[in-house]
Amino acid sequence: MRLRIVAAVAAIAVLSSIALANETYKFDQSHSTIGFSVHQFLGTTQGKFTKFDGKIEIDREHPENSSVTARIVVRSIDTGIVKRDNHLRSPEFFSIEKYPDIMFKSRSVKQTGPHEGDILGDLTMHGVTKPIALHVKLLTSASDSKRTRWSVTTDPLKRRDFNLMFAQAAESMSGISQTVTVNIEIEATAQ
């Protein structure tokens, strides 16, 4: 009986230390930016999504056990031109009634430098899921346990990979590049 109690106490102590090692941070939408840019003819169109949420689980002792999940509300797309945004929301492009969210879920985390890492995961957009690598860099002090801020880049995304194509005639005339550059800064607060 005594051995069982000792074993139970030891198990609780191990689980408690694991719980203490993990920190949960929630995206602060008001201090974060999820943006993108696309080349078109002689210029570049800049845009962003204004509604999103996400969670970062950080294990400082074992960074490889950390994780990230994120959800972007596609309806919140903002390129600065209402008519263009409405067209992007339509069934001809994002089809937000059918595909209202863009989702990211990490599968692995690898620290690549003192304040840098790669997060490999699945990006689901327009009903298509593809693997993606997020290259992240810590912008705040590593010792700050109340908030964390990260710069995030990816390899350029291809619209075709996610079936985000206009009709053939529109694609030919629009001069819109297949390549989308992602620009993200995420600030998250401890929960």
C-alpha atoms as a PDB file:
ATOM      1  CA  MET A   1       0.000   0.000   0.000  1.00  0.00           C
ATOM      2  CA  ARG A   2       2.749   2.399   0.979  1.00  0.00           C
ATOM      3  CA  LEU A   3       4.590   1.629  -2.281  1.00  0.00           C
ATOM      4  CA  ARG A   4       1.454   2.546  -4.270  1.00  0.00           C
ATOM      5  CA  ILE A   5       1.154   5.897  -2.471  1.00  0.00           C
ATOM      6  CA  VAL A   6       4.830   6.688  -3.136  1.00  0.00           C
ATOM      7  CA  ALA A   7       4.387   5.741  -6.801  1.00  0.00           C
ATOM      8  CA  ALA A   8       1.253   7.906  -7.082  1.00  0.00           C
ATOM      9  CA  VAL A   9       3.011  10.881  -5.459  1.00  0.00           C
ATOM     10  CA  ALA A  10       6.003  10.424  -7.792  1.00  0.00           C
ATOM     11  CA  ALA A  11       3.697  10.307 -10.830  1.00  0.00           C
ATOM     12  CA  ILE A  12       1.919  13.488  -9.714  1.00  0.00           C
ATOM     13  CA  ALA A  13       5.282  15.217  -9.175  1.00  0.00           C
ATOM     14  CA  VAL A  14       6.437  14.252 -12.690  1.00  0.00           C
ATOM     15  CA  LEU A  15       3.168  15.443 -14.253  1.00  0.00           C
ATOM     16  CA  SER A  16       3.336  18.690 -12.269  1.00  0.00           C
ATOM     17  CA  SER A  17       6.872  19.401 -13.461  1.00  0.00           C
ATOM     18  CA  ILE A  18       5.789  18.791 -17.047  1.00  0.00           C
ATOM     19  CA  ALA A  19       2.842  21.163 -16.599  1.00  0.00           C
ATOM     20  CA  LEU A  20       5.123  23.822 -15.111  1.00  0.00           C
ATOM     21  CA  ALA A  21       7.557  23.511 -18.006  1.00  0.00           C
ATOM     22  CA  ASN A  22       4.810  24.351 -20.520  1.00  0.00           C
ATOM     23  CA  GLU A  23       3.586  27.887 -20.987  1.00  0.00           C
ATOM     24  CA  THR A  24       0.482  28.828 -22.957  1.00  0.00           C
ATOM     25  CA  TYR A  25       0.233  32.101 -24.874  1.00  0.00           C
ATOM     26  CA  LYS A  26      -2.808  33.401 -26.761  1.00  0.00           C
ATOM     27  CA  PHE A  27      -2.470  35.593 -29.865  1.00  0.00           C
ATOM     28  CA  ASP A  28      -3.085  39.281 -29.188  1.00  0.00           C
ATOM     29  CA  GLN A  29      -4.917  40.327 -32.344  1.00  0.00           C
ATOM     30  CA  SER A  30      -4.581  44.052 -31.603  1.00  0.00           C
ATOM     31  CA  HIS A  31      -0.763  43.861 -31.535  1.00  0.00           C
ATOM     32  CA  SER A  32      -0.245  41.288 -34.298  1.00  0.00           C
ATOM     33  CA  THR A  33      -0.260  41.391 -38.098  1.00  0.00           C
ATOM     34  CA  ILE A  34      -0.971  38.630 -40.597  1.00  0.00           C
ATOM     35  CA  GLY A  35      -0.186  40.164 -43.959  1.00  0.00           C
ATOM     36  CA  PHE A  36       0.667  39.195 -47.500  1.00  0.00           C
ATOM     37  CA  SER A  37       1.819  40.718 -50.759  1.00  0.00           C
ATOM     38  CA  VAL A  38       1.259  39.706 -54.379  1.00  0.00           C
ATOM     39  CA  HIS A  39       2.958  41.170 -57.440  1.00  0.00           C
ATOM     40  CA  GLN A  40       0.602  42.415 -60.171  1.00  0.00           C
ATOM     41  CA  PHE A  41       1.804  44.005 -63.407  1.00  0.00           C
ATOM     42  CA  LEU A  42       4.200  46.787 -62.349  1.00  0.00           C
ATOM     43  CA  GLY A  43       3.139  46.997 -58.710  1.00  0.00           C
ATOM     44  CA  THR A  44       2.582  44.965 -55.600  1.00  0.00           C
ATOM     45  CA  THR A  45      -0.725  44.520 -53.797  1.00  0.00           C
ATOM     46  CA  GLN A  46      -0.464  44.465 -50.008  1.00  0.00           C
ATOM     47  CA  GLY A  47      -3.132  42.904 -47.844  1.00  0.00           C
ATOM     48  CA  LYS A  48      -3.854  41.552 -44.392  1.00  0.00           C
ATOM     49  CA  PHE A  49      -6.370  39.600 -42.374  1.00  0.00           C
ATOM     50  CA  THR A  50      -7.819  41.528 -39.446  1.00  0.00           C
ATOM     51  CA  LYS A  51      -9.478  38.665 -37.527  1.00  0.00           C
ATOM     52  CA  PHE A  52      -7.565  35.651 -36.298  1.00  0.00           C
ATOM     53  CA  ASP A  53      -6.714  33.740 -33.166  1.00  0.00           C
ATOM     54  CA  GLY A  54      -4.155  31.228 -32.095  1.00  0.00           C
ATOM     55  CA  LYS A  55      -2.272  29.593 -29.292  1.00  0.00           C
ATOM     56  CA  ILE A  56       1.416  28.958 -28.660  1.00  0.00           C
ATOM     57  CA  GLU A  57       2.488  26.228 -26.230  1.00  0.00           C
ATOM     58  CA  ILE A  58       6.123  26.759 -25.215  1.00  0.00           C
ATOM     59  CA  ASP A  59       8.292  24.188 -23.466  1.00  0.00           C
ATOM     60  CA  ARG A  60      11.476  26.090 -22.598  1.00  0.00           C
ATOM     61  CA  GLU A  61      13.302  22.967 -21.400  1.00  0.00           C
ATOM     62  CA  HIS A  62      12.451  21.014 -24.560  1.00  0.00           C
ATOM     63  CA  PRO A  63      11.573  23.449 -27.399  1.00  0.00           C
ATOM     64  CA  GLU A  64      10.854  20.514 -29.700  1.00  0.00           C
ATOM     65  CA  ASN A  65       7.752  19.816 -27.572  1.00  0.00           C
ATOM     66  CA  SER A  66       6.334  23.292 -28.264  1.00  0.00           C
ATOM     67  CA  SER A  67       3.370  23.753 -30.603  1.00  0.00           C
ATOM     68  CA  VAL A  68       1.315  26.364 -32.445  1.00  0.00           C
ATOM     69  CA  THR A  69      -2.253  26.456 -33.724  1.00  0.00           C
ATOM     70  CA  ALA A  70      -3.821  29.356 -35.608  1.00  0.00           C
ATOM     71  CA  ARG A  71      -7.109  30.238 -37.295  1.00  0.00           C
ATOM     72  CA  ILE A  72      -7.587  33.129 -39.733  1.00  0.00           C
ATOM     73  CA  VAL A  73     -11.082  34.372 -40.592  1.00  0.00           C
ATOM     74  CA  VAL A  74     -10.966  34.753 -44.384  1.00  0.00           C
ATOM     75  CA  ARG A  75     -13.900  37.220 -44.389  1.00  0.00           C
ATOM     76  CA  SER A  76     -11.551  39.706 -42.663  1.00  0.00           C
ATOM     77  CA  ILE A  77      -9.316  40.099 -45.732  1.00  0.00           C
ATOM     78  CA  ASP A  78      -8.371  43.743 -46.292  1.00  0.00           C
ATOM     79  CA  THR A  79      -6.428  44.952 -49.338  1.00  0.00           C
ATOM     80  CA  GLY A  80      -7.599  48.546 -49.016  1.00  0.00           C
ATOM     81  CA  ILE A  81     -10.126  48.303 -51.868  1.00  0.00           C
ATOM     82  CA  VAL A  82     -13.617  47.135 -50.839  1.00  0.00           C
ATOM     83  CA  LYS A  83     -14.618  45.976 -54.343  1.00  0.00           C
ATOM     84  CA  ARG A  84     -11.485  43.830 -54.635  1.00  0.00           C
ATOM     85  CA  ASP A  85     -11.975  42.399 -51.120  1.00  0.00           C
ATOM     86  CA  ASN A  86     -15.569  41.436 -51.919  1.00  0.00           C
ATOM     87  CA  HIS A  87     -14.397  39.756 -55.104  1.00  0.00           C
ATOM     88  CA  LEU A  88     -11.737  37.823 -53.195  1.00  0.00           C
ATOM     89  CA  ARG A  89     -14.407  36.653 -50.711  1.00  0.00           C
ATOM     90  CA  SER A  90     -16.698  35.469 -53.537  1.00  0.00           C
ATOM     91  CA  PRO A  91     -17.144  31.881 -54.822  1.00  0.00           C
ATOM     92  CA  GLU A  92     -14.774  32.780 -57.671  1.00  0.00           C
ATOM     93  CA  PHE A  93     -11.800  32.927 -55.295  1.00  0.00           C
ATOM     94  CA  PHE A  94     -11.773  32.238 -51.510  1.00  0.00           C
ATOM     95  CA  SER A  95     -15.442  31.160 -51.422  1.00  0.00           C
ATOM     96  CA  ILE A  96     -15.798  32.169 -47.772  1.00  0.00           C
ATOM     97  CA  GLU A  97     -19.231  30.582 -47.293  1.00  0.00           C
ATOM     98  CA  LYS A  98     -17.710  27.177 -48.063  1.00  0.00           C
ATOM     99  CA  TYR A  99     -14.206  27.801 -46.659  1.00  0.00           C
ATOM    100  CA  PRO A 100     -14.531  30.438 -43.899  1.00  0.00           C
ATOM    101  CA  ASP A 101     -11.166  29.839 -42.198  1.00  0.00           C
ATOM    102  CA  ILE A 102      -7.492  29.309 -42.915  1.00  0.00           C
ATOM    103  CA  MET A 103      -6.010  26.909 -40.350  1.00  0.00           C
ATOM    104  CA  PHE A 104      -2.469  26.083 -39.240  1.00  0.00           C
ATOM    105  CA  LYS A 105      -1.477  23.248 -36.902  1.00  0.00           C
ATOM    106  CA  SER A 106       2.143  22.500 -36.113  1.00  0.00           C
ATOM    107  CA  ARG A 107       3.575  18.979 -36.299  1.00  0.00           C
ATOM    108  CA  SER A 108       7.129  19.664 -35.129  1.00  0.00           C
ATOM    109  CA  VAL A 109       9.329  22.453 -33.802  1.00  0.00           C
ATOM    110  CA  LYS A 110      13.078  22.725 -34.255  1.00  0.00           C
ATOM    111  CA  GLN A 111      15.289  25.342 -32.634  1.00  0.00           C
ATOM    112  CA  THR A 112      17.787  26.608 -35.230  1.00  0.00           C
ATOM    113  CA  GLY A 113      19.496  29.347 -33.189  1.00  0.00           C
ATOM    114  CA  PRO A 114      19.380  31.017 -29.776  1.00  0.00           C
ATOM    115  CA  HIS A 115      16.183  32.918 -30.695  1.00  0.00           C
ATOM    116  CA  GLU A 116      15.140  31.244 -33.945  1.00  0.00           C
ATOM    117  CA  GLY A 117      13.403  28.107 -35.079  1.00  0.00           C
ATOM    118  CA  ASP A 118      11.413  26.305 -37.726  1.00  0.00           C
ATOM    119  CA  ILE A 119       7.853  25.180 -37.148  1.00  0.00           C
ATOM    120  CA  LEU A 120       6.679  22.482 -39.538  1.00  0.00           C
ATOM    121  CA  GLY A 121       2.951  22.007 -39.839  1.00  0.00           C
ATOM    122  CA  ASP A 122      -0.144  21.774 -41.973  1.00  0.00           C
ATOM    123  CA  LEU A 123      -1.751  24.804 -43.601  1.00  0.00           C
ATOM    124  CA  THR A 124      -5.371  24.347 -44.666  1.00  0.00           C
ATOM    125  CA  MET A 125      -6.748  26.951 -47.040  1.00  0.00           C
ATOM    126  CA  HIS A 126      -9.641  26.764 -49.497  1.00  0.00           C
ATOM    127  CA  GLY A 127     -10.205  23.106 -48.577  1.00  0.00           C
ATOM    128  CA  VAL A 128      -6.614  22.073 -49.367  1.00  0.00           C
ATOM    129  CA  THR A 129      -4.073  21.023 -46.744  1.00  0.00           C
ATOM    130  CA  LYS A 130      -0.357  21.336 -47.515  1.00  0.00           C
ATOM    131  CA  PRO A 131       2.769  21.034 -45.381  1.00  0.00           C
ATOM    132  CA  ILE A 132       4.501  24.330 -44.672  1.00  0.00           C
ATOM    133  CA  ALA A 133       7.549  25.529 -42.734  1.00  0.00           C
ATOM    134  CA  LEU A 134       7.295  28.691 -40.647  1.00  0.00           C
ATOM    135  CA  HIS A 135      10.637  30.351 -39.930  1.00  0.00           C
ATOM    136  CA  VAL A 136      10.302  32.179 -36.620  1.00  0.00           C
ATOM    137  CA  LYS A 137      12.464  34.673 -34.775  1.00  0.00           C
ATOM    138  CA  LEU A 138      11.860  35.809 -31.195  1.00  0.00           C
ATOM    139  CA  LEU A 139      11.621  39.613 -30.967  1.00  0.00           C
ATOM    140  CA  THR A 140      11.110  39.922 -27.196  1.00  0.00           C
ATOM    141  CA  SER A 141      13.354  38.893 -24.319  1.00  0.00           C
ATOM    142  CA  ALA A 142      13.444  35.137 -23.830  1.00  0.00           C
ATOM    143  CA  SER A 143      12.977  35.728 -20.094  1.00  0.00           C
ATOM    144  CA  ASP A 144       9.670  37.614 -20.541  1.00  0.00           C
ATOM    145  CA  SER A 145       7.009  35.201 -19.273  1.00  0.00           C
ATOM    146  CA  LYS A 146       4.043  37.584 -19.739  1.00  0.00           C
ATOM    147  CA  ARG A 147       4.224  38.137 -23.482  1.00  0.00           C
ATOM    148  CA  THR A 148       6.107  36.878 -26.485  1.00  0.00           C
ATOM    149  CA  ARG A 149       6.520  38.442 -29.948  1.00  0.00           C
ATOM    150  CA  TRP A 150       7.652  36.598 -33.061  1.00  0.00           C
ATOM    151  CA  SER A 151       8.522  37.489 -36.631  1.00  0.00           C
ATOM    152  CA  VAL A 152       7.312  34.745 -38.970  1.00  0.00           C
ATOM    153  CA  THR A 153       8.271  34.113 -42.585  1.00  0.00           C
ATOM    154  CA  THR A 154       7.581  31.253 -44.959  1.00  0.00           C
ATOM    155  CA  ASP A 155       8.759  30.198 -48.339  1.00  0.00           C
ATOM    156  CA  PRO A 156       6.471  31.934 -50.843  1.00  0.00           C
ATOM    157  CA  LEU A 157       3.095  30.236 -51.266  1.00  0.00           C
ATOM    158  CA  LYS A 158       1.729  29.328 -54.691  1.00  0.00           C
ATOM    159  CA  ARG A 159      -1.937  30.158 -55.273  1.00  0.00           C
ATOM    160  CA  ARG A 160      -2.302  27.162 -57.593  1.00  0.00           C
ATOM    161  CA  ASP A 161      -1.335  24.768 -54.766  1.00  0.00           C
ATOM    162  CA  PHE A 162      -4.492  25.804 -52.896  1.00  0.00           C
ATOM    163  CA  ASN A 163      -6.786  26.039 -55.959  1.00  0.00           C
ATOM    164  CA  LEU A 164      -6.942  29.823 -55.555  1.00  0.00           C
ATOM    165  CA  MET A 165      -7.255  30.627 -59.221  1.00  0.00           C
ATOM    166  CA  PHE A 166      -9.548  32.932 -61.137  1.00  0.00           C
ATOM    167  CA  ALA A 167     -11.127  31.852 -64.411  1.00  0.00           C
ATOM    168  CA  GLN A 168      -8.480  31.277 -67.110  1.00  0.00           C
ATOM    169  CA  ALA A 169      -9.322  34.487 -69.006  1.00  0.00           C
ATOM    170  CA  ALA A 170      -9.164  36.541 -65.795  1.00  0.00           C
ATOM    171  CA  GLU A 171      -5.835  34.952 -64.820  1.00  0.00           C
ATOM    172  CA  SER A 172      -4.353  35.843 -68.212  1.00  0.00           C
ATOM    173  CA  MET A 173      -5.546  39.448 -68.142  1.00  0.00           C
ATOM    174  CA  SER A 174      -4.959  40.234 -64.467  1.00  0.00           C
ATOM    175  CA  GLY A 175      -1.186  39.869 -64.396  1.00  0.00           C
ATOM    176  CA  ILE A 176      -1.437  38.548 -60.824  1.00  0.00           C
ATOM    177  CA  SER A 177       1.561  36.485 -59.775  1.00  0.00           C
ATOM    178  CA  GLN A 178       1.169  32.893 -58.623  1.00  0.00           C
ATOM    179  CA  THR A 179       3.549  33.672 -55.759  1.00  0.00           C
ATOM    180  CA  VAL A 180       2.240  35.082 -52.474  1.00  0.00           C
ATOM    181  CA  THR A 181       4.681  36.432 -49.893  1.00  0.00           C
ATOM    182  CA  VAL A 182       3.581  36.129 -46.277  1.00  0.00           C
ATOM    183  CA  ASN A 183       4.469  38.791 -43.672  1.00  0.00           C
ATOM    184  CA  ILE A 184       3.559  37.951 -40.069  1.00  0.00           C
ATOM    185  CA  GLU A 185       4.321  39.353 -36.639  1.00  0.00           C
ATOM    186  CA  ILE A 186       2.577  37.686 -33.730  1.00  0.00           C
ATOM    187  CA  GLU A 187       2.410  38.995 -30.203  1.00  0.00           C
ATOM    188  CA  ALA A 188       0.914  36.646 -27.652  1.00  0.00           C
ATOM    189  CA  THR A 189       0.129  37.018 -23.981  1.00  0.00           C
ATOM    190  CA  ALA A 190       0.502  34.430 -21.228  1.00  0.00           C
ATOM    191  CA  GLN A 191      -2.649  32.614 -20.166  1.00  0.00           C
END
